[in-house]
């Protein structure tokens, strides 16, 4: 699955790898950039993959809230600062 970042980590769009996203719908979300690729088998079990799969079947993509980034990275949340320190600098002080 491809994961795209919406805005400044406001949320995420998940789509099958290599799938074309609908321009009109994506422009309504605002800035969208490619984030990373995830194997859904490696994702955290707490992420609602059944809901994501239903969205993808219906629309071709799914929108995931910002708070579910740990599930999309496939790593426990306490490990995120080690993997992506640029997202956690604001909490360093």
PDB file of N, CA and C in Angstrom:
ATOM      1  N   UNK A   1       0.832  -1.161   0.000  1.00  0.00           N
ATOM      2  CA  UNK A   1       0.000   0.000   0.000  1.00  0.00           C
ATOM      3  C   UNK A   1       0.888   1.240   0.000  1.00  0.00           C
ATOM      4  N   UNK A   2       0.448   2.257  -0.735  1.00  0.00           N
ATOM      5  CA  UNK A   2       1.117   3.555  -0.713  1.00  0.00           C
ATOM      6  C   UNK A   2       0.425   4.436   0.320  1.00  0.00           C
ATOM      7  N   UNK A   3       1.212   5.173   1.075  1.00  0.00           N
ATOM      8  CA  UNK A   3       0.680   6.102   2.062  1.00  0.00           C
ATOM      9  C   UNK A   3       1.104   7.507   1.648  1.00  0.00           C
ATOM     10  N   UNK A   4       0.116   8.396   1.532  1.00  0.00           N
ATOM     11  CA  UNK A   4       0.351   9.783   1.179  1.00  0.00           C
ATOM     12  C   UNK A   4       0.019  10.648   2.385  1.00  0.00           C
ATOM     13  N   UNK A   5       0.804  11.696   2.584  1.00  0.00           N
ATOM     14  CA  UNK A   5       0.608  12.603   3.713  1.00  0.00           C
ATOM     15  C   UNK A   5      -0.236  13.778   3.236  1.00  0.00           C
ATOM     16  N   UNK A   6      -1.262  14.096   4.006  1.00  0.00           N
ATOM     17  CA  UNK A   6      -2.139  15.223   3.697  1.00  0.00           C
ATOM     18  C   UNK A   6      -1.683  16.430   4.509  1.00  0.00           C
ATOM     19  N   UNK A   7      -1.432  17.544   3.833  1.00  0.00           N
ATOM     20  CA  UNK A   7      -1.027  18.775   4.508  1.00  0.00           C
ATOM     21  C   UNK A   7       0.240  18.585   5.325  1.00  0.00           C
ATOM     22  N   UNK A   8       0.219  19.131   6.536  1.00  0.00           N
ATOM     23  CA  UNK A   8       1.354  18.979   7.449  1.00  0.00           C
ATOM     24  C   UNK A   8       1.001  17.895   8.450  1.00  0.00           C
ATOM     25  N   UNK A   9       0.916  16.669   7.953  1.00  0.00           N
ATOM     26  CA  UNK A   9       0.558  15.494   8.751  1.00  0.00           C
ATOM     27  C   UNK A   9      -0.843  15.625   9.353  1.00  0.00           C
ATOM     28  N   UNK A  10      -1.767  16.216   8.587  1.00  0.00           N
ATOM     29  CA  UNK A  10      -3.149  16.359   9.037  1.00  0.00           C
ATOM     30  C   UNK A  10      -3.899  15.038   8.943  1.00  0.00           C
ATOM     31  N   UNK A  11      -3.429  14.151   8.100  1.00  0.00           N
ATOM     32  CA  UNK A  11      -4.045  12.848   7.888  1.00  0.00           C
ATOM     33  C   UNK A  11      -3.284  12.134   6.798  1.00  0.00           C
ATOM     34  N   UNK A  12      -3.796  10.993   6.391  1.00  0.00           N
ATOM     35  CA  UNK A  12      -3.092  10.156   5.424  1.00  0.00           C
ATOM     36  C   UNK A  12      -4.085   9.564   4.450  1.00  0.00           C
ATOM     37  N   UNK A  13      -3.637   9.378   3.211  1.00  0.00           N
ATOM     38  CA  UNK A  13      -4.419   8.685   2.201  1.00  0.00           C
ATOM     39  C   UNK A  13      -3.689   7.377   1.929  1.00  0.00           C
ATOM     40  N   UNK A  14      -4.430   6.284   1.995  1.00  0.00           N
ATOM     41  CA  UNK A  14      -3.867   4.959   1.746  1.00  0.00           C
ATOM     42  C   UNK A  14      -4.501   4.425   0.470  1.00  0.00           C
ATOM     43  N   UNK A  15      -3.665   3.933  -0.439  1.00  0.00           N
ATOM     44  CA  UNK A  15      -4.154   3.403  -1.709  1.00  0.00           C
ATOM     45  C   UNK A  15      -3.271   2.223  -2.113  1.00  0.00           C
ATOM     46  N   UNK A  16      -3.789   1.353  -2.966  1.00  0.00           N
ATOM     47  CA  UNK A  16      -2.948   0.262  -3.463  1.00  0.00           C
ATOM     48  C   UNK A  16      -1.713   0.829  -4.160  1.00  0.00           C
ATOM     49  N   UNK A  17      -0.593   0.169  -4.007  1.00  0.00           N
ATOM     50  CA  UNK A  17       0.659   0.649  -4.608  1.00  0.00           C
ATOM     51  C   UNK A  17       0.509   0.850  -6.109  1.00  0.00           C
ATOM     52  N   UNK A  18       0.921   2.029  -6.546  1.00  0.00           N
ATOM     53  CA  UNK A  18       0.898   2.356  -7.965  1.00  0.00           C
ATOM     54  C   UNK A  18      -0.453   2.804  -8.496  1.00  0.00           C
ATOM     55  N   UNK A  19      -1.490   2.802  -7.677  1.00  0.00           N
ATOM     56  CA  UNK A  19      -2.817   3.204  -8.137  1.00  0.00           C
ATOM     57  C   UNK A  19      -2.861   4.717  -8.347  1.00  0.00           C
ATOM     58  N   UNK A  20      -3.595   5.128  -9.372  1.00  0.00           N
ATOM     59  CA  UNK A  20      -3.772   6.557  -9.628  1.00  0.00           C
ATOM     60  C   UNK A  20      -4.871   7.086  -8.707  1.00  0.00           C
ATOM     61  N   UNK A  21      -4.597   8.211  -8.065  1.00  0.00           N
ATOM     62  CA  UNK A  21      -5.582   8.837  -7.192  1.00  0.00           C
ATOM     63  C   UNK A  21      -6.391   9.854  -7.985  1.00  0.00           C
ATOM     64  N   UNK A  22      -7.689   9.978  -7.713  1.00  0.00           N
ATOM     65  CA  UNK A  22      -8.515  10.936  -8.451  1.00  0.00           C
ATOM     66  C   UNK A  22      -8.123  12.377  -8.131  1.00  0.00           C
ATOM     67  N   UNK A  23      -7.700  13.112  -9.145  1.00  0.00           N
ATOM     68  CA  UNK A  23      -7.194  14.479  -8.962  1.00  0.00           C
ATOM     69  C   UNK A  23      -8.187  15.395  -8.265  1.00  0.00           C
ATOM     70  N   UNK A  24      -9.441  15.372  -8.692  1.00  0.00           N
ATOM     71  CA  UNK A  24     -10.432  16.296  -8.132  1.00  0.00           C
ATOM     72  C   UNK A  24     -10.626  16.058  -6.633  1.00  0.00           C
ATOM     73  N   UNK A  25     -10.726  14.814  -6.241  1.00  0.00           N
ATOM     74  CA  UNK A  25     -10.929  14.504  -4.826  1.00  0.00           C
ATOM     75  C   UNK A  25      -9.679  14.804  -4.003  1.00  0.00           C
ATOM     76  N   UNK A  26      -8.507  14.546  -4.548  1.00  0.00           N
ATOM     77  CA  UNK A  26      -7.275  14.803  -3.814  1.00  0.00           C
ATOM     78  C   UNK A  26      -7.017  16.295  -3.681  1.00  0.00           C
ATOM     79  N   UNK A  27      -7.389  17.077  -4.682  1.00  0.00           N
ATOM     80  CA  UNK A  27      -7.185  18.526  -4.576  1.00  0.00           C
ATOM     81  C   UNK A  27      -8.075  19.116  -3.488  1.00  0.00           C
ATOM     82  N   UNK A  28      -9.214  18.489  -3.211  1.00  0.00           N
ATOM     83  CA  UNK A  28     -10.094  18.962  -2.134  1.00  0.00           C
ATOM     84  C   UNK A  28      -9.450  18.772  -0.764  1.00  0.00           C
ATOM     85  N   UNK A  29      -8.541  17.818  -0.659  1.00  0.00           N
ATOM     86  CA  UNK A  29      -7.850  17.571   0.611  1.00  0.00           C
ATOM     87  C   UNK A  29      -6.755  18.599   0.871  1.00  0.00           C
ATOM     88  N   UNK A  30      -6.282  19.237  -0.164  1.00  0.00           N
ATOM     89  CA  UNK A  30      -5.176  20.178  -0.020  1.00  0.00           C
ATOM     90  C   UNK A  30      -3.880  19.541  -0.473  1.00  0.00           C
ATOM     91  N   UNK A  31      -2.785  19.979   0.119  1.00  0.00           N
ATOM     92  CA  UNK A  31      -1.465  19.459  -0.252  1.00  0.00           C
ATOM     93  C   UNK A  31      -1.393  17.963   0.046  1.00  0.00           C
ATOM     94  N   UNK A  32      -0.917  17.213  -0.918  1.00  0.00           N
ATOM     95  CA  UNK A  32      -0.786  15.766  -0.775  1.00  0.00           C
ATOM     96  C   UNK A  32       0.573  15.362  -1.324  1.00  0.00           C
ATOM     97  N   UNK A  33       1.346  14.654  -0.510  1.00  0.00           N
ATOM     98  CA  UNK A  33       2.660  14.200  -0.977  1.00  0.00           C
ATOM     99  C   UNK A  33       2.863  12.733  -0.596  1.00  0.00           C
ATOM    100  N   UNK A  34       3.671  12.049  -1.390  1.00  0.00           N
ATOM    101  CA  UNK A  34       3.951  10.645  -1.113  1.00  0.00           C
ATOM    102  C   UNK A  34       4.720  10.534   0.198  1.00  0.00           C
ATOM    103  N   UNK A  35       4.316   9.583   1.046  1.00  0.00           N
ATOM    104  CA  UNK A  35       4.989   9.383   2.324  1.00  0.00           C
ATOM    105  C   UNK A  35       5.861   8.153   2.321  1.00  0.00           C
ATOM    106  N   UNK A  36       5.258   6.971   2.210  1.00  0.00           N
ATOM    107  CA  UNK A  36       5.996   5.724   2.264  1.00  0.00           C
ATOM    108  C   UNK A  36       5.114   4.587   1.776  1.00  0.00           C
ATOM    109  N   UNK A  37       5.713   3.418   1.669  1.00  0.00           N
ATOM    110  CA  UNK A  37       5.009   2.194   1.288  1.00  0.00           C
ATOM    111  C   UNK A  37       4.944   1.307   2.516  1.00  0.00           C
ATOM    112  N   UNK A  38       3.794   0.666   2.710  1.00  0.00           N
ATOM    113  CA  UNK A  38       3.649  -0.250   3.839  1.00  0.00           C
ATOM    114  C   UNK A  38       3.050  -1.562   3.359  1.00  0.00           C
ATOM    115  N   UNK A  39       3.571  -2.624   3.889  1.00  0.00           N
ATOM    116  CA  UNK A  39       2.976  -3.946   3.687  1.00  0.00           C
ATOM    117  C   UNK A  39       1.879  -4.075   4.733  1.00  0.00           C
ATOM    118  N   UNK A  40       0.642  -4.243   4.329  1.00  0.00           N
ATOM    119  CA  UNK A  40      -0.462  -4.272   5.293  1.00  0.00           C
ATOM    120  C   UNK A  40      -0.303  -5.400   6.308  1.00  0.00           C
ATOM    121  N   UNK A  41       0.451  -6.441   5.981  1.00  0.00           N
ATOM    122  CA  UNK A  41       0.717  -7.511   6.949  1.00  0.00           C
ATOM    123  C   UNK A  41       1.647  -7.043   8.059  1.00  0.00           C
ATOM    124  N   UNK A  42       2.449  -5.993   7.800  1.00  0.00           N
ATOM    125  CA  UNK A  42       3.384  -5.486   8.801  1.00  0.00           C
ATOM    126  C   UNK A  42       2.784  -4.365   9.640  1.00  0.00           C
ATOM    127  N   UNK A  43       1.581  -3.937   9.298  1.00  0.00           N
ATOM    128  CA  UNK A  43       0.956  -2.829  10.023  1.00  0.00           C
ATOM    129  C   UNK A  43       0.475  -3.292  11.388  1.00  0.00           C
ATOM    130  N   UNK A  44       0.335  -2.325  12.273  1.00  0.00           N
ATOM    131  CA  UNK A  44      -0.149  -2.632  13.623  1.00  0.00           C
ATOM    132  C   UNK A  44      -1.580  -3.153  13.546  1.00  0.00           C
ATOM    133  N   UNK A  45      -1.893  -4.181  14.321  1.00  0.00           N
ATOM    134  CA  UNK A  45      -3.235  -4.770  14.263  1.00  0.00           C
ATOM    135  C   UNK A  45      -4.348  -3.812  14.692  1.00  0.00           C
ATOM    136  N   UNK A  46      -4.032  -2.780  15.464  1.00  0.00           N
ATOM    137  CA  UNK A  46      -5.081  -1.880  15.934  1.00  0.00           C
ATOM    138  C   UNK A  46      -5.645  -1.008  14.815  1.00  0.00           C
ATOM    139  N   UNK A  47      -4.944  -0.903  13.707  1.00  0.00           N
ATOM    140  CA  UNK A  47      -5.433  -0.121  12.584  1.00  0.00           C
ATOM    141  C   UNK A  47      -6.595  -0.865  11.932  1.00  0.00           C
ATOM    142  N   UNK A  48      -7.649  -0.160  11.558  1.00  0.00           N
ATOM    143  CA  UNK A  48      -8.858  -0.761  10.998  1.00  0.00           C
ATOM    144  C   UNK A  48      -8.658  -1.092   9.520  1.00  0.00           C
ATOM    145  N   UNK A  49      -7.944  -2.179   9.249  1.00  0.00           N
ATOM    146  CA  UNK A  49      -7.667  -2.550   7.864  1.00  0.00           C
ATOM    147  C   UNK A  49      -8.918  -2.995   7.133  1.00  0.00           C
ATOM    148  N   UNK A  50      -9.903  -3.533   7.839  1.00  0.00           N
ATOM    149  CA  UNK A  50     -11.163  -3.910   7.175  1.00  0.00           C
ATOM    150  C   UNK A  50     -11.872  -2.661   6.663  1.00  0.00           C
ATOM    151  N   UNK A  51     -11.915  -1.608   7.486  1.00  0.00           N
ATOM    152  CA  UNK A  51     -12.515  -0.344   7.063  1.00  0.00           C
ATOM    153  C   UNK A  51     -11.755   0.283   5.913  1.00  0.00           C
ATOM    154  N   UNK A  52     -10.435   0.226   5.973  1.00  0.00           N
ATOM    155  CA  UNK A  52      -9.598   0.763   4.898  1.00  0.00           C
ATOM    156  C   UNK A  52      -9.864   0.002   3.599  1.00  0.00           C
ATOM    157  N   UNK A  53      -9.947  -1.323   3.687  1.00  0.00           N
ATOM    158  CA  UNK A  53     -10.207  -2.149   2.497  1.00  0.00           C
ATOM    159  C   UNK A  53     -11.580  -1.824   1.897  1.00  0.00           C
ATOM    160  N   UNK A  54     -12.589  -1.600   2.741  1.00  0.00           N
ATOM    161  CA  UNK A  54     -13.922  -1.249   2.237  1.00  0.00           C
ATOM    162  C   UNK A  54     -13.888   0.096   1.518  1.00  0.00           C
ATOM    163  N   UNK A  55     -13.163   1.069   2.090  1.00  0.00           N
ATOM    164  CA  UNK A  55     -13.021   2.372   1.436  1.00  0.00           C
ATOM    165  C   UNK A  55     -12.329   2.232   0.088  1.00  0.00           C
ATOM    166  N   UNK A  56     -11.264   1.452   0.048  1.00  0.00           N
ATOM    167  CA  UNK A  56     -10.517   1.264  -1.197  1.00  0.00           C
ATOM    168  C   UNK A  56     -11.390   0.587  -2.244  1.00  0.00           C
ATOM    169  N   UNK A  57     -12.180  -0.398  -1.841  1.00  0.00           N
ATOM    170  CA  UNK A  57     -13.090  -1.052  -2.788  1.00  0.00           C
ATOM    171  C   UNK A  57     -14.112  -0.071  -3.342  1.00  0.00           C
ATOM    172  N   UNK A  58     -14.590   0.840  -2.493  1.00  0.00           N
ATOM    173  CA  UNK A  58     -15.630   1.784  -2.906  1.00  0.00           C
ATOM    174  C   UNK A  58     -15.082   2.973  -3.693  1.00  0.00           C
ATOM    175  N   UNK A  59     -13.929   3.530  -3.252  1.00  0.00           N
ATOM    176  CA  UNK A  59     -13.418   4.773  -3.835  1.00  0.00           C
ATOM    177  C   UNK A  59     -12.059   4.645  -4.501  1.00  0.00           C
ATOM    178  N   UNK A  60     -11.342   3.589  -4.182  1.00  0.00           N
ATOM    179  CA  UNK A  60      -9.991   3.439  -4.714  1.00  0.00           C
ATOM    180  C   UNK A  60      -8.913   3.923  -3.758  1.00  0.00           C
ATOM    181  N   UNK A  61      -9.316   4.507  -2.634  1.00  0.00           N
ATOM    182  CA  UNK A  61      -8.384   4.994  -1.618  1.00  0.00           C
ATOM    183  C   UNK A  61      -9.131   5.083  -0.295  1.00  0.00           C
ATOM    184  N   UNK A  62      -8.365   5.292   0.790  1.00  0.00           N
ATOM    185  CA  UNK A  62      -8.959   5.478   2.105  1.00  0.00           C
ATOM    186  C   UNK A  62      -8.251   6.636   2.793  1.00  0.00           C
ATOM    187  N   UNK A  63      -9.003   7.395   3.576  1.00  0.00           N
ATOM    188  CA  UNK A  63      -8.421   8.492   4.347  1.00  0.00           C
ATOM    189  C   UNK A  63      -8.288   8.011   5.790  1.00  0.00           C
ATOM    190  N   UNK A  64      -7.084   8.144   6.342  1.00  0.00           N
ATOM    191  CA  UNK A  64      -6.787   7.678   7.700  1.00  0.00           C
ATOM    192  C   UNK A  64      -6.464   8.895   8.558  1.00  0.00           C
ATOM    193  N   UNK A  65      -7.046   8.991   9.753  1.00  0.00           N
ATOM    194  CA  UNK A  65      -6.782  10.143  10.629  1.00  0.00           C
ATOM    195  C   UNK A  65      -5.324  10.231  11.059  1.00  0.00           C
ATOM    196  N   UNK A  66      -4.903  11.446  11.397  1.00  0.00           N
ATOM    197  CA  UNK A  66      -3.521  11.704  11.810  1.00  0.00           C
ATOM    198  C   UNK A  66      -3.119  10.843  13.001  1.00  0.00           C
ATOM    199  N   UNK A  67      -4.024  10.576  13.919  1.00  0.00           N
ATOM    200  CA  UNK A  67      -3.690   9.808  15.115  1.00  0.00           C
ATOM    201  C   UNK A  67      -3.354   8.353  14.864  1.00  0.00           C
ATOM    202  N   UNK A  68      -3.595   7.855  13.659  1.00  0.00           N
ATOM    203  CA  UNK A  68      -3.318   6.454  13.358  1.00  0.00           C
ATOM    204  C   UNK A  68      -1.972   6.247  12.676  1.00  0.00           C
ATOM    205  N   UNK A  69      -1.088   7.233  12.732  1.00  0.00           N
ATOM    206  CA  UNK A  69       0.209   7.112  12.057  1.00  0.00           C
ATOM    207  C   UNK A  69       1.015   5.928  12.594  1.00  0.00           C
ATOM    208  N   UNK A  70       0.913   5.609  13.864  1.00  0.00           N
ATOM    209  CA  UNK A  70       1.672   4.476  14.406  1.00  0.00           C
ATOM    210  C   UNK A  70       1.263   3.185  13.718  1.00  0.00           C
ATOM    211  N   UNK A  71      -0.020   3.016  13.473  1.00  0.00           N
ATOM    212  CA  UNK A  71      -0.489   1.828  12.777  1.00  0.00           C
ATOM    213  C   UNK A  71      -0.016   1.782  11.340  1.00  0.00           C
ATOM    214  N   UNK A  72       0.049   2.932  10.695  1.00  0.00           N
ATOM    215  CA  UNK A  72       0.503   2.984   9.309  1.00  0.00           C
ATOM    216  C   UNK A  72       1.999   2.748   9.182  1.00  0.00           C
ATOM    217  N   UNK A  73       2.754   3.093  10.218  1.00  0.00           N
ATOM    218  CA  UNK A  73       4.202   2.868  10.170  1.00  0.00           C
ATOM    219  C   UNK A  73       4.562   1.448  10.542  1.00  0.00           C
ATOM    220  N   UNK A  74       3.650   0.740  11.183  1.00  0.00           N
ATOM    221  CA  UNK A  74       3.939  -0.628  11.593  1.00  0.00           C
ATOM    222  C   UNK A  74       4.895  -0.682  12.767  1.00  0.00           C
ATOM    223  N   UNK A  75       4.937   0.384  13.575  1.00  0.00           N
ATOM    224  CA  UNK A  75       5.819   0.429  14.736  1.00  0.00           C
ATOM    225  C   UNK A  75       5.057   0.986  15.928  1.00  0.00           C
ATOM    226  N   UNK A  76       5.359   0.534  17.114  1.00  0.00           N
ATOM    227  CA  UNK A  76       4.707   1.121  18.297  1.00  0.00           C
ATOM    228  C   UNK A  76       4.985   2.611  18.388  1.00  0.00           C
ATOM    229  N   UNK A  77       4.028   3.365  18.888  1.00  0.00           N
ATOM    230  CA  UNK A  77       4.132   4.827  18.899  1.00  0.00           C
ATOM    231  C   UNK A  77       5.366   5.326  19.630  1.00  0.00           C
ATOM    232  N   UNK A  78       5.795   4.650  20.697  1.00  0.00           N
ATOM    233  CA  UNK A  78       6.973   5.126  21.428  1.00  0.00           C
ATOM    234  C   UNK A  78       8.256   5.002  20.610  1.00  0.00           C
ATOM    235  N   UNK A  79       8.226   4.244  19.519  1.00  0.00           N
ATOM    236  CA  UNK A  79       9.408   4.099  18.671  1.00  0.00           C
ATOM    237  C   UNK A  79       9.436   5.111  17.533  1.00  0.00           C
ATOM    238  N   UNK A  80       8.367   5.880  17.347  1.00  0.00           N
ATOM    239  CA  UNK A  80       8.301   6.795  16.214  1.00  0.00           C
ATOM    240  C   UNK A  80       9.383   7.859  16.250  1.00  0.00           C
ATOM    241  N   UNK A  81       9.731   8.349  17.420  1.00  0.00           N
ATOM    242  CA  UNK A  81      10.752   9.398  17.477  1.00  0.00           C
ATOM    243  C   UNK A  81      12.096   8.897  16.981  1.00  0.00           C
ATOM    244  N   UNK A  82      12.372   7.631  17.151  1.00  0.00           N
ATOM    245  CA  UNK A  82      13.622   7.066  16.645  1.00  0.00           C
ATOM    246  C   UNK A  82      13.574   6.917  15.124  1.00  0.00           C
ATOM    247  N   UNK A  83      12.391   6.579  14.579  1.00  0.00           N
ATOM    248  CA  UNK A  83      12.263   6.378  13.143  1.00  0.00           C
ATOM    249  C   UNK A  83      12.107   7.688  12.385  1.00  0.00           C
ATOM    250  N   UNK A  84      11.364   8.623  12.957  1.00  0.00           N
ATOM    251  CA  UNK A  84      11.064   9.878  12.296  1.00  0.00           C
ATOM    252  C   UNK A  84      11.280  11.040  13.268  1.00  0.00           C
ATOM    253  N   UNK A  85      12.522  11.333  13.636  1.00  0.00           N
ATOM    254  CA  UNK A  85      12.774  12.373  14.637  1.00  0.00           C
ATOM    255  C   UNK A  85      12.283  13.754  14.209  1.00  0.00           C
ATOM    256  N   UNK A  86      12.203  14.014  12.892  1.00  0.00           N
ATOM    257  CA  UNK A  86      11.751  15.334  12.445  1.00  0.00           C
ATOM    258  C   UNK A  86      10.307  15.610  12.845  1.00  0.00           C
ATOM    259  N   UNK A  87       9.510  14.581  13.098  1.00  0.00           N
ATOM    260  CA  UNK A  87       8.127  14.771  13.510  1.00  0.00           C
ATOM    261  C   UNK A  87       8.010  15.027  15.008  1.00  0.00           C
ATOM    262  N   UNK A  88       9.092  14.856  15.744  1.00  0.00           N
ATOM    263  CA  UNK A  88       9.020  14.936  17.208  1.00  0.00           C
ATOM    264  C   UNK A  88       9.906  16.011  17.808  1.00  0.00           C
ATOM    265  N   UNK A  89      10.524  16.831  16.986  1.00  0.00           N
ATOM    266  CA  UNK A  89      11.406  17.884  17.503  1.00  0.00           C
ATOM    267  C   UNK A  89      10.652  18.888  18.363  1.00  0.00           C
ATOM    268  N   UNK A  90       9.393  19.177  18.037  1.00  0.00           N
ATOM    269  CA  UNK A  90       8.641  20.174  18.796  1.00  0.00           C
ATOM    270  C   UNK A  90       8.418  19.754  20.221  1.00  0.00           C
ATOM    271  N   UNK A  91       8.520  18.449  20.534  1.00  0.00           N
ATOM    272  CA  UNK A  91       8.310  17.956  21.883  1.00  0.00           C
ATOM    273  C   UNK A  91       9.619  17.817  22.670  1.00  0.00           C
ATOM    274  N   UNK A  92      10.732  18.150  22.029  1.00  0.00           N
ATOM    275  CA  UNK A  92      12.043  17.917  22.647  1.00  0.00           C
ATOM    276  C   UNK A  92      12.333  18.889  23.802  1.00  0.00           C
ATOM    277  N   UNK A  93      11.736  20.051  23.776  1.00  0.00           N
ATOM    278  CA  UNK A  93      12.050  21.060  24.796  1.00  0.00           C
ATOM    279  C   UNK A  93      11.455  20.755  26.143  1.00  0.00           C
TER     280      UNK A  93
END
